[in-house]
């Protein structure tokens, strides 16, 4: 219809001569070459393939995410089950553990006089700092009181027919060797270990000869 309108309004006759002017409509100047259109179509196809590939990747990731979500839900169910089982065991054994971990001072009593030589060697001179160090050591001992009881009883009974509530010098040395406390003999010489054993056996509430006599060679 547009072409018919253009031809009807176009100037000129069938008896045109060479050199005659012909009026050309403006819309013909906007004609896009066929090669350009093919290039546009090719670019659109490439963009479409890229978008399709991205969409496929998104769909695949989403599908995998759904599978992970399902596995996570099963994992939560298992965690709830195991947590409940652990709580049941802990609650049922709470009374026994409380009785076993009663602190009567046997394994947690610390006298700063016993550490006099160590405090001096470490440069801890003020009474306030000594009290703080003793409090920290006592806190650690209370946290591990059950292990301390078992370890002490094990090595106390390691001797020849000795009781399980006292440890002699040889049993103490077995503990030192098993724990490798003397791995560096320069840092921890044998004399120092013997002094530690002696300091643990002395009753510092006594004075003079009575204090020295309180060392009976058995760590209780």
Protein backbone atom coordinates (compact mmCIF):
# COMPACT_ATOMS: atom_id res chain seq x y z
CA UNK A 1 0.00 0.00 0.00
CA UNK A 2 2.87 2.35 0.79
CA UNK A 3 4.56 1.54 -2.49
CA UNK A 4 1.35 2.27 -4.42
CA UNK A 5 1.02 5.61 -2.63
CA UNK A 6 4.58 6.51 -3.45
CA UNK A 7 4.18 5.60 -7.09
CA UNK A 8 0.95 7.59 -7.32
CA UNK A 9 2.55 10.68 -5.82
CA UNK A 10 5.86 10.34 -7.62
CA UNK A 11 6.73 12.97 -10.19
CA UNK A 12 7.64 12.01 -13.74
CA UNK A 13 6.07 10.39 -16.83
CA UNK A 14 6.74 7.41 -19.02
CA UNK A 15 8.33 9.80 -21.57
CA UNK A 16 11.26 10.74 -19.26
CA UNK A 17 14.37 11.88 -20.88
CA UNK A 18 17.97 11.47 -19.87
CA UNK A 19 18.83 14.13 -17.33
CA UNK A 20 15.30 14.46 -15.95
CA UNK A 21 15.08 14.72 -12.14
CA UNK A 22 13.17 12.07 -10.17
CA UNK A 23 11.89 12.74 -6.66
CA UNK A 24 12.88 9.84 -4.29
CA UNK A 25 10.90 9.37 -1.04
CA UNK A 26 12.86 9.83 2.27
CA UNK A 27 11.96 6.38 3.63
CA UNK A 28 14.12 4.71 0.96
CA UNK A 29 17.21 6.30 2.55
CA UNK A 30 16.44 4.31 5.73
CA UNK A 31 16.79 0.94 4.01
CA UNK A 32 19.10 -1.47 5.97
CA UNK A 33 21.37 -3.65 3.89
CA UNK A 34 20.65 -7.37 3.91
CA UNK A 35 24.14 -8.25 5.19
CA UNK A 36 23.66 -6.00 8.21
CA UNK A 37 20.36 -7.67 9.04
CA UNK A 38 22.01 -11.07 8.84
CA UNK A 39 24.74 -9.87 11.20
CA UNK A 40 22.08 -8.62 13.62
CA UNK A 41 20.32 -11.99 13.47
CA UNK A 42 23.61 -13.80 14.11
CA UNK A 43 24.36 -11.64 17.17
CA UNK A 44 20.83 -12.19 18.51
CA UNK A 45 21.26 -15.94 18.10
CA UNK A 46 24.58 -15.85 19.97
CA UNK A 47 23.05 -13.79 22.78
CA UNK A 48 20.14 -16.20 22.96
CA UNK A 49 22.49 -19.20 23.24
CA UNK A 50 24.49 -17.44 25.97
CA UNK A 51 21.32 -16.64 27.90
CA UNK A 52 20.11 -20.21 27.46
CA UNK A 53 23.41 -21.59 28.77
CA UNK A 54 23.28 -19.29 31.82
CA UNK A 55 19.67 -20.29 32.49
CA UNK A 56 20.58 -23.98 32.28
CA UNK A 57 23.41 -23.45 34.79
CA UNK A 58 21.07 -21.65 37.17
CA UNK A 59 18.51 -24.45 36.91
CA UNK A 60 21.20 -27.09 37.53
CA UNK A 61 22.53 -25.22 40.57
CA UNK A 62 19.05 -24.81 41.95
CA UNK A 63 18.35 -28.54 41.52
CA UNK A 64 21.57 -29.39 43.34
CA UNK A 65 20.67 -26.90 46.05
CA UNK A 66 17.38 -28.70 46.60
CA UNK A 67 19.25 -31.97 47.07
CA UNK A 68 21.61 -30.34 49.57
CA UNK A 69 18.60 -28.93 51.39
CA UNK A 70 17.11 -32.40 51.69
CA UNK A 71 20.38 -33.83 53.03
CA UNK A 72 20.63 -30.95 55.50
CA UNK A 73 17.16 -31.69 56.83
CA UNK A 74 18.17 -35.31 57.45
CA UNK A 75 21.36 -34.07 59.10
CA UNK A 76 19.38 -31.86 61.49
CA UNK A 77 17.20 -34.83 62.41
CA UNK A 78 20.27 -36.94 63.20
CA UNK A 79 21.81 -34.12 65.24
CA UNK A 80 18.67 -33.77 67.33
CA UNK A 81 18.63 -37.52 67.92
CA UNK A 82 22.30 -37.72 68.97
CA UNK A 83 22.06 -34.59 71.11
CA UNK A 84 19.08 -36.00 72.97
CA UNK A 85 20.88 -39.30 73.53
CA UNK A 86 23.91 -37.45 74.91
CA UNK A 87 21.76 -35.33 77.22
CA UNK A 88 20.01 -38.42 78.53
CA UNK A 89 23.33 -40.08 79.35
CA UNK A 90 24.67 -36.92 80.96
CA UNK A 91 21.57 -36.30 83.05
CA UNK A 92 21.34 -39.91 84.23
CA UNK A 93 25.00 -39.95 85.25
CA UNK A 94 25.01 -36.48 86.83
CA UNK A 95 24.57 -37.78 90.38
CA UNK A 96 27.40 -40.29 90.01
CA UNK A 97 29.73 -37.71 88.48
CA UNK A 98 28.93 -35.22 91.25
CA UNK A 99 29.79 -37.77 93.91
CA UNK A 100 32.98 -38.71 92.11
CA UNK A 101 34.14 -35.10 91.66
CA UNK A 102 33.61 -33.93 95.22
CA UNK A 103 36.55 -31.70 96.14
CA UNK A 104 37.68 -32.35 99.70
CA UNK A 105 40.98 -30.55 99.19
CA UNK A 106 43.06 -33.70 98.81
CA UNK A 107 44.00 -32.97 95.20
CA UNK A 108 43.50 -29.20 95.06
CA UNK A 109 45.14 -27.85 98.22
CA UNK A 110 47.96 -25.47 97.33
CA UNK A 111 50.20 -23.68 99.82
CA UNK A 112 52.23 -20.85 98.36
CA UNK A 113 55.07 -21.72 100.76
CA UNK A 114 55.53 -24.95 98.80
CA UNK A 115 56.23 -22.91 95.67
CA UNK A 116 58.62 -20.50 97.37
CA UNK A 117 61.64 -21.62 95.33
CA UNK A 118 59.68 -21.61 92.06
CA UNK A 119 58.25 -18.15 92.70
CA UNK A 120 61.74 -16.88 93.43
CA UNK A 121 63.13 -18.45 90.26
CA UNK A 122 60.33 -16.91 88.16
CA UNK A 123 60.68 -13.49 89.76
CA UNK A 124 57.28 -13.56 91.45
CA UNK A 125 57.95 -11.72 94.70
CA UNK A 126 54.79 -9.89 95.74
CA UNK A 127 52.30 -11.74 97.92
CA UNK A 128 49.43 -10.59 95.71
CA UNK A 129 50.96 -12.16 92.60
CA UNK A 130 51.68 -15.36 94.52
CA UNK A 131 48.05 -15.58 95.63
CA UNK A 132 46.87 -15.04 92.04
CA UNK A 133 49.14 -17.79 90.73
CA UNK A 134 47.99 -20.22 93.41
CA UNK A 135 44.34 -19.42 92.62
CA UNK A 136 44.92 -20.11 88.92
CA UNK A 137 46.63 -23.44 89.67
CA UNK A 138 43.84 -24.46 92.02
CA UNK A 139 41.27 -23.62 89.34
CA UNK A 140 43.01 -25.92 86.84
CA UNK A 141 43.27 -28.72 89.41
CA UNK A 142 39.56 -28.49 90.15
CA UNK A 143 38.72 -28.73 86.46
CA UNK A 144 40.77 -31.94 86.14
CA UNK A 145 40.10 -33.42 89.57
CA UNK A 146 38.68 -36.67 88.19
CA UNK A 147 41.74 -37.24 85.99
CA UNK A 148 44.04 -36.34 88.86
CA UNK A 149 42.41 -38.93 91.10
CA UNK A 150 42.71 -41.69 88.51
CA UNK A 151 46.30 -40.82 87.60
CA UNK A 152 47.38 -40.62 91.24
CA UNK A 153 45.73 -43.94 92.13
CA UNK A 154 47.25 -45.63 89.08
CA UNK A 155 50.84 -44.64 89.91
CA UNK A 156 50.35 -45.02 93.67
CA UNK A 157 49.42 -48.67 93.11
CA UNK A 158 52.25 -49.23 90.63
CA UNK A 159 54.74 -50.18 93.36
CA UNK A 160 55.22 -53.52 95.05
CA UNK A 161 52.07 -53.99 97.05
CA UNK A 162 51.80 -50.29 97.93
CA UNK A 163 48.48 -48.66 98.80
CA UNK A 164 46.57 -46.74 96.13
CA UNK A 165 46.22 -43.64 98.33
CA UNK A 166 49.94 -42.83 98.77
CA UNK A 167 52.85 -42.46 96.36
CA UNK A 168 56.47 -43.10 97.30
CA UNK A 169 59.60 -41.69 95.67
CA UNK A 170 60.01 -44.45 93.05
CA UNK A 171 56.35 -44.27 92.03
CA UNK A 172 56.63 -40.51 91.68
CA UNK A 173 59.65 -40.93 89.41
CA UNK A 174 57.70 -43.36 87.24
CA UNK A 175 55.08 -40.65 86.78
CA UNK A 176 57.79 -38.14 85.86
CA UNK A 177 59.30 -40.46 83.25
CA UNK A 178 55.98 -41.49 81.70
CA UNK A 179 54.95 -37.84 81.36
CA UNK A 180 58.42 -36.96 80.01
CA UNK A 181 58.71 -34.08 82.45
CA UNK A 182 62.49 -34.45 82.35
CA UNK A 183 62.80 -34.34 78.58
CA UNK A 184 65.18 -31.38 78.94
CA UNK A 185 67.47 -32.18 81.88
CA UNK A 186 68.91 -28.66 81.89
CA UNK A 187 65.48 -27.16 82.43
CA UNK A 188 64.30 -29.89 84.81
CA UNK A 189 67.30 -31.52 86.55
CA UNK A 190 66.84 -34.54 88.81
CA UNK A 191 67.68 -32.53 91.93
CA UNK A 192 64.82 -30.16 91.22
CA UNK A 193 62.36 -33.06 90.84
CA UNK A 194 63.48 -34.51 94.17
CA UNK A 195 62.99 -31.11 95.81
CA UNK A 196 59.47 -30.87 94.38
CA UNK A 197 58.63 -34.31 95.81
CA UNK A 198 60.06 -33.28 99.18
CA UNK A 199 58.17 -29.96 99.23
CA UNK A 200 54.90 -31.78 98.57
CA UNK A 201 55.48 -34.07 101.58
CA UNK A 202 56.43 -31.44 104.13
CA UNK A 203 53.83 -30.14 106.57
CA UNK A 204 54.39 -26.38 106.47
CA UNK A 205 52.09 -25.80 109.42
CA UNK A 206 54.95 -27.09 111.61
CA UNK A 207 58.17 -25.30 112.48
CA UNK A 208 61.84 -26.22 112.70
CA UNK A 209 62.77 -29.87 113.12
CA UNK A 210 59.16 -30.93 113.30
CA UNK A 211 58.62 -29.63 109.77
CA UNK A 212 61.58 -31.58 108.40
CA UNK A 213 60.50 -34.71 110.28
CA UNK A 214 57.04 -34.53 108.71
CA UNK A 215 58.52 -35.79 105.43
CA UNK A 216 57.86 -39.52 105.62
CA UNK A 217 58.64 -40.19 101.93
CA UNK A 218 55.01 -40.89 101.06
CA UNK A 219 53.00 -38.44 98.97
CA UNK A 220 49.38 -38.57 100.13
